[in-house]
């Protein structure tokens, strides 16, 4: 499972001055994305990274 499920956990930060969206559930290079791209509706990079991380966690738990 990606994240702990805790409702108080920070999921995503939108930093307008730096044109950056940070998804705190991800690590490394997959964590930061272009704010303008995300605001234009291109959520695929975040969704794909979350899916890949969840898939890796499931494989590790086999």
PDB file of N, CA and C in Angstrom:
ATOM      1  N   UNK A   1       0.846  -1.185   0.000  1.00  0.00           N
ATOM      2  CA  UNK A   1       0.000   0.000   0.000  1.00  0.00           C
ATOM      3  C   UNK A   1       0.884   1.238   0.000  1.00  0.00           C
ATOM      4  N   UNK A   2       0.592   2.167  -0.850  1.00  0.00           N
ATOM      5  CA  UNK A   2       1.335   3.408  -0.903  1.00  0.00           C
ATOM      6  C   UNK A   2       0.813   4.313   0.196  1.00  0.00           C
ATOM      7  N   UNK A   3       1.698   4.785   1.058  1.00  0.00           N
ATOM      8  CA  UNK A   3       1.294   5.628   2.173  1.00  0.00           C
ATOM      9  C   UNK A   3       0.765   4.810   3.330  1.00  0.00           C
ATOM     10  N   UNK A   4       0.538   5.484   4.440  1.00  0.00           N
ATOM     11  CA  UNK A   4       0.106   4.797   5.653  1.00  0.00           C
ATOM     12  C   UNK A   4      -1.407   4.787   5.820  1.00  0.00           C
ATOM     13  N   UNK A   5      -2.117   5.598   5.058  1.00  0.00           N
ATOM     14  CA  UNK A   5      -3.559   5.684   5.201  1.00  0.00           C
ATOM     15  C   UNK A   5      -3.980   6.654   6.291  1.00  0.00           C
ATOM     16  N   UNK A   6      -3.012   7.251   6.964  1.00  0.00           N
ATOM     17  CA  UNK A   6      -3.289   8.222   8.012  1.00  0.00           C
ATOM     18  C   UNK A   6      -3.816   9.502   7.371  1.00  0.00           C
ATOM     19  N   UNK A   7      -4.986   9.936   7.778  1.00  0.00           N
ATOM     20  CA  UNK A   7      -5.609  11.110   7.158  1.00  0.00           C
ATOM     21  C   UNK A   7      -4.828  12.390   7.387  1.00  0.00           C
ATOM     22  N   UNK A   8      -4.008  12.438   8.425  1.00  0.00           N
ATOM     23  CA  UNK A   8      -3.246  13.652   8.697  1.00  0.00           C
ATOM     24  C   UNK A   8      -1.931  13.690   7.923  1.00  0.00           C
ATOM     25  N   UNK A   9      -1.595  12.607   7.245  1.00  0.00           N
ATOM     26  CA  UNK A   9      -0.338  12.555   6.497  1.00  0.00           C
ATOM     27  C   UNK A   9      -0.412  13.485   5.283  1.00  0.00           C
ATOM     28  N   UNK A  10       0.671  14.227   5.059  1.00  0.00           N
ATOM     29  CA  UNK A  10       0.738  15.120   3.914  1.00  0.00           C
ATOM     30  C   UNK A  10       0.938  14.282   2.653  1.00  0.00           C
ATOM     31  N   UNK A  11       0.090  14.472   1.670  1.00  0.00           N
ATOM     32  CA  UNK A  11       0.159  13.687   0.442  1.00  0.00           C
ATOM     33  C   UNK A  11       0.895  14.448  -0.644  1.00  0.00           C
ATOM     34  N   UNK A  12       0.539  15.719  -0.825  1.00  0.00           N
ATOM     35  CA  UNK A  12       1.093  16.471  -1.936  1.00  0.00           C
ATOM     36  C   UNK A  12       1.232  17.936  -1.551  1.00  0.00           C
ATOM     37  N   UNK A  13       2.316  18.560  -2.003  1.00  0.00           N
ATOM     38  CA  UNK A  13       2.549  19.978  -1.769  1.00  0.00           C
ATOM     39  C   UNK A  13       2.641  20.689  -3.114  1.00  0.00           C
ATOM     40  N   UNK A  14       1.919  21.795  -3.246  1.00  0.00           N
ATOM     41  CA  UNK A  14       1.966  22.602  -4.459  1.00  0.00           C
ATOM     42  C   UNK A  14       2.784  23.851  -4.153  1.00  0.00           C
ATOM     43  N   UNK A  15       3.946  23.990  -4.805  1.00  0.00           N
ATOM     44  CA  UNK A  15       4.834  25.116  -4.587  1.00  0.00           C
ATOM     45  C   UNK A  15       4.795  25.987  -5.842  1.00  0.00           C
ATOM     46  N   UNK A  16       3.961  27.029  -5.807  1.00  0.00           N
ATOM     47  CA  UNK A  16       3.776  27.878  -6.981  1.00  0.00           C
ATOM     48  C   UNK A  16       5.016  28.696  -7.332  1.00  0.00           C
ATOM     49  N   UNK A  17       5.709  29.325  -6.360  1.00  0.00           N
ATOM     50  CA  UNK A  17       6.891  30.113  -6.732  1.00  0.00           C
ATOM     51  C   UNK A  17       7.984  29.290  -7.427  1.00  0.00           C
ATOM     52  N   UNK A  18       8.096  28.009  -7.079  1.00  0.00           N
ATOM     53  CA  UNK A  18       9.138  27.164  -7.674  1.00  0.00           C
ATOM     54  C   UNK A  18       8.598  26.254  -8.775  1.00  0.00           C
ATOM     55  N   UNK A  19       7.328  26.436  -9.170  1.00  0.00           N
ATOM     56  CA  UNK A  19       6.694  25.638 -10.223  1.00  0.00           C
ATOM     57  C   UNK A  19       6.920  24.147  -9.986  1.00  0.00           C
ATOM     58  N   UNK A  20       6.570  23.699  -8.758  1.00  0.00           N
ATOM     59  CA  UNK A  20       6.841  22.310  -8.392  1.00  0.00           C
ATOM     60  C   UNK A  20       5.687  21.715  -7.596  1.00  0.00           C
ATOM     61  N   UNK A  21       5.352  20.467  -7.921  1.00  0.00           N
ATOM     62  CA  UNK A  21       4.428  19.662  -7.129  1.00  0.00           C
ATOM     63  C   UNK A  21       5.252  18.534  -6.542  1.00  0.00           C
ATOM     64  N   UNK A  22       5.172  18.362  -5.223  1.00  0.00           N
ATOM     65  CA  UNK A  22       5.889  17.283  -4.554  1.00  0.00           C
ATOM     66  C   UNK A  22       4.872  16.304  -4.007  1.00  0.00           C
ATOM     67  N   UNK A  23       4.974  15.057  -4.439  1.00  0.00           N
ATOM     68  CA  UNK A  23       4.118  14.003  -3.907  1.00  0.00           C
ATOM     69  C   UNK A  23       4.925  13.279  -2.839  1.00  0.00           C
ATOM     70  N   UNK A  24       4.518  13.409  -1.585  1.00  0.00           N
ATOM     71  CA  UNK A  24       5.292  12.901  -0.452  1.00  0.00           C
ATOM     72  C   UNK A  24       5.211  11.390  -0.287  1.00  0.00           C
ATOM     73  N   UNK A  25       4.379  10.728  -1.083  1.00  0.00           N
ATOM     74  CA  UNK A  25       4.308   9.269  -1.039  1.00  0.00           C
ATOM     75  C   UNK A  25       5.395   8.631  -1.878  1.00  0.00           C
ATOM     76  N   UNK A  26       6.048   9.426  -2.727  1.00  0.00           N
ATOM     77  CA  UNK A  26       7.076   8.917  -3.626  1.00  0.00           C
ATOM     78  C   UNK A  26       8.456   9.312  -3.129  1.00  0.00           C
ATOM     79  N   UNK A  27       9.477   8.659  -3.689  1.00  0.00           N
ATOM     80  CA  UNK A  27      10.857   8.948  -3.303  1.00  0.00           C
ATOM     81  C   UNK A  27      11.686   9.266  -4.537  1.00  0.00           C
ATOM     82  N   UNK A  28      12.812   9.934  -4.318  1.00  0.00           N
ATOM     83  CA  UNK A  28      13.773  10.184  -5.388  1.00  0.00           C
ATOM     84  C   UNK A  28      13.261  11.125  -6.459  1.00  0.00           C
ATOM     85  N   UNK A  29      13.686  10.854  -7.698  1.00  0.00           N
ATOM     86  CA  UNK A  29      13.342  11.715  -8.831  1.00  0.00           C
ATOM     87  C   UNK A  29      11.856  11.713  -9.161  1.00  0.00           C
ATOM     88  N   UNK A  30      11.146  10.692  -8.741  1.00  0.00           N
ATOM     89  CA  UNK A  30       9.716  10.595  -9.040  1.00  0.00           C
ATOM     90  C   UNK A  30       8.877  11.482  -8.131  1.00  0.00           C
ATOM     91  N   UNK A  31       9.486  12.055  -7.117  1.00  0.00           N
ATOM     92  CA  UNK A  31       8.763  12.816  -6.098  1.00  0.00           C
ATOM     93  C   UNK A  31       8.309  14.198  -6.591  1.00  0.00           C
ATOM     94  N   UNK A  32       9.114  14.851  -7.431  1.00  0.00           N
ATOM     95  CA  UNK A  32       8.833  16.219  -7.864  1.00  0.00           C
ATOM     96  C   UNK A  32       8.397  16.267  -9.323  1.00  0.00           C
ATOM     97  N   UNK A  33       7.406  17.129  -9.587  1.00  0.00           N
ATOM     98  CA  UNK A  33       6.848  17.264 -10.929  1.00  0.00           C
ATOM     99  C   UNK A  33       6.591  18.738 -11.215  1.00  0.00           C
ATOM    100  N   UNK A  34       6.513  19.077 -12.492  1.00  0.00           N
ATOM    101  CA  UNK A  34       6.226  20.441 -12.912  1.00  0.00           C
ATOM    102  C   UNK A  34       4.792  20.814 -12.536  1.00  0.00           C
ATOM    103  N   UNK A  35       4.644  21.901 -11.810  1.00  0.00           N
ATOM    104  CA  UNK A  35       3.319  22.362 -11.392  1.00  0.00           C
ATOM    105  C   UNK A  35       2.446  22.686 -12.601  1.00  0.00           C
ATOM    106  N   UNK A  36       3.010  23.380 -13.585  1.00  0.00           N
ATOM    107  CA  UNK A  36       2.221  23.768 -14.756  1.00  0.00           C
ATOM    108  C   UNK A  36       1.703  22.544 -15.505  1.00  0.00           C
ATOM    109  N   UNK A  37       2.535  21.522 -15.625  1.00  0.00           N
ATOM    110  CA  UNK A  37       2.116  20.290 -16.305  1.00  0.00           C
ATOM    111  C   UNK A  37       0.953  19.637 -15.572  1.00  0.00           C
ATOM    112  N   UNK A  38       1.051  19.564 -14.250  1.00  0.00           N
ATOM    113  CA  UNK A  38      -0.003  18.954 -13.438  1.00  0.00           C
ATOM    114  C   UNK A  38      -1.283  19.784 -13.512  1.00  0.00           C
ATOM    115  N   UNK A  39      -1.155  21.109 -13.435  1.00  0.00           N
ATOM    116  CA  UNK A  39      -2.327  21.981 -13.507  1.00  0.00           C
ATOM    117  C   UNK A  39      -2.996  21.920 -14.884  1.00  0.00           C
ATOM    118  N   UNK A  40      -2.220  21.573 -15.911  1.00  0.00           N
ATOM    119  CA  UNK A  40      -2.780  21.408 -17.255  1.00  0.00           C
ATOM    120  C   UNK A  40      -3.491  20.069 -17.415  1.00  0.00           C
ATOM    121  N   UNK A  41      -3.447  19.244 -16.370  1.00  0.00           N
ATOM    122  CA  UNK A  41      -4.191  17.987 -16.391  1.00  0.00           C
ATOM    123  C   UNK A  41      -3.376  16.748 -16.679  1.00  0.00           C
ATOM    124  N   UNK A  42      -2.078  16.897 -16.846  1.00  0.00           N
ATOM    125  CA  UNK A  42      -1.226  15.740 -17.142  1.00  0.00           C
ATOM    126  C   UNK A  42      -0.805  15.069 -15.832  1.00  0.00           C
ATOM    127  N   UNK A  43      -1.702  14.275 -15.270  1.00  0.00           N
ATOM    128  CA  UNK A  43      -1.438  13.593 -14.000  1.00  0.00           C
ATOM    129  C   UNK A  43      -0.743  12.251 -14.187  1.00  0.00           C
ATOM    130  N   UNK A  44      -0.567  11.826 -15.425  1.00  0.00           N
ATOM    131  CA  UNK A  44       0.017  10.512 -15.698  1.00  0.00           C
ATOM    132  C   UNK A  44       1.363  10.266 -15.018  1.00  0.00           C
ATOM    133  N   UNK A  45       2.287  11.226 -14.993  1.00  0.00           N
ATOM    134  CA  UNK A  45       3.570  10.937 -14.338  1.00  0.00           C
ATOM    135  C   UNK A  45       3.419  10.567 -12.858  1.00  0.00           C
ATOM    136  N   UNK A  46       2.537  11.245 -12.144  1.00  0.00           N
ATOM    137  CA  UNK A  46       2.331  10.941 -10.726  1.00  0.00           C
ATOM    138  C   UNK A  46       1.612   9.609 -10.573  1.00  0.00           C
ATOM    139  N   UNK A  47       0.559   9.404 -11.345  1.00  0.00           N
ATOM    140  CA  UNK A  47      -0.214   8.161 -11.248  1.00  0.00           C
ATOM    141  C   UNK A  47       0.658   6.963 -11.614  1.00  0.00           C
ATOM    142  N   UNK A  48       1.440   7.085 -12.680  1.00  0.00           N
ATOM    143  CA  UNK A  48       2.310   5.984 -13.097  1.00  0.00           C
ATOM    144  C   UNK A  48       3.357   5.668 -12.035  1.00  0.00           C
ATOM    145  N   UNK A  49       3.930   6.702 -11.424  1.00  0.00           N
ATOM    146  CA  UNK A  49       4.933   6.486 -10.377  1.00  0.00           C
ATOM    147  C   UNK A  49       4.312   5.812  -9.156  1.00  0.00           C
ATOM    148  N   UNK A  50       3.106   6.219  -8.779  1.00  0.00           N
ATOM    149  CA  UNK A  50       2.427   5.594  -7.644  1.00  0.00           C
ATOM    150  C   UNK A  50       2.090   4.134  -7.936  1.00  0.00           C
ATOM    151  N   UNK A  51       1.649   3.866  -9.145  1.00  0.00           N
ATOM    152  CA  UNK A  51       1.347   2.478  -9.526  1.00  0.00           C
ATOM    153  C   UNK A  51       2.605   1.616  -9.494  1.00  0.00           C
ATOM    154  N   UNK A  52       3.700   2.147 -10.019  1.00  0.00           N
ATOM    155  CA  UNK A  52       4.957   1.390 -10.039  1.00  0.00           C
ATOM    156  C   UNK A  52       5.436   1.102  -8.622  1.00  0.00           C
ATOM    157  N   UNK A  53       5.324   2.092  -7.743  1.00  0.00           N
ATOM    158  CA  UNK A  53       5.746   1.894  -6.356  1.00  0.00           C
ATOM    159  C   UNK A  53       4.863   0.859  -5.655  1.00  0.00           C
ATOM    160  N   UNK A  54       3.565   0.928  -5.879  1.00  0.00           N
ATOM    161  CA  UNK A  54       2.661  -0.043  -5.270  1.00  0.00           C
ATOM    162  C   UNK A  54       2.951  -1.453  -5.796  1.00  0.00           C
ATOM    163  N   UNK A  55       3.210  -1.563  -7.088  1.00  0.00           N
ATOM    164  CA  UNK A  55       3.528  -2.859  -7.693  1.00  0.00           C
ATOM    165  C   UNK A  55       4.812  -3.426  -7.086  1.00  0.00           C
ATOM    166  N   UNK A  56       5.831  -2.588  -6.919  1.00  0.00           N
ATOM    167  CA  UNK A  56       7.095  -3.035  -6.327  1.00  0.00           C
ATOM    168  C   UNK A  56       6.894  -3.500  -4.888  1.00  0.00           C
ATOM    169  N   UNK A  57       6.056  -2.786  -4.134  1.00  0.00           N
ATOM    170  CA  UNK A  57       5.780  -3.181  -2.748  1.00  0.00           C
ATOM    171  C   UNK A  57       5.066  -4.527  -2.692  1.00  0.00           C
ATOM    172  N   UNK A  58       4.112  -4.732  -3.594  1.00  0.00           N
ATOM    173  CA  UNK A  58       3.388  -6.004  -3.622  1.00  0.00           C
ATOM    174  C   UNK A  58       4.318  -7.157  -3.969  1.00  0.00           C
ATOM    175  N   UNK A  59       5.221  -6.944  -4.923  1.00  0.00           N
ATOM    176  CA  UNK A  59       6.180  -7.990  -5.285  1.00  0.00           C
ATOM    177  C   UNK A  59       7.122  -8.305  -4.131  1.00  0.00           C
ATOM    178  N   UNK A  60       7.515  -7.281  -3.408  1.00  0.00           N
ATOM    179  CA  UNK A  60       8.426  -7.478  -2.275  1.00  0.00           C
ATOM    180  C   UNK A  60       7.756  -8.260  -1.150  1.00  0.00           C
ATOM    181  N   UNK A  61       6.437  -8.175  -1.062  1.00  0.00           N
ATOM    182  CA  UNK A  61       5.709  -8.851   0.016  1.00  0.00           C
ATOM    183  C   UNK A  61       5.240 -10.258  -0.352  1.00  0.00           C
ATOM    184  N   UNK A  62       5.606 -10.751  -1.521  1.00  0.00           N
ATOM    185  CA  UNK A  62       5.202 -12.110  -1.916  1.00  0.00           C
ATOM    186  C   UNK A  62       5.915 -13.162  -1.102  1.00  0.00           C
TER     187      UNK A  62
END
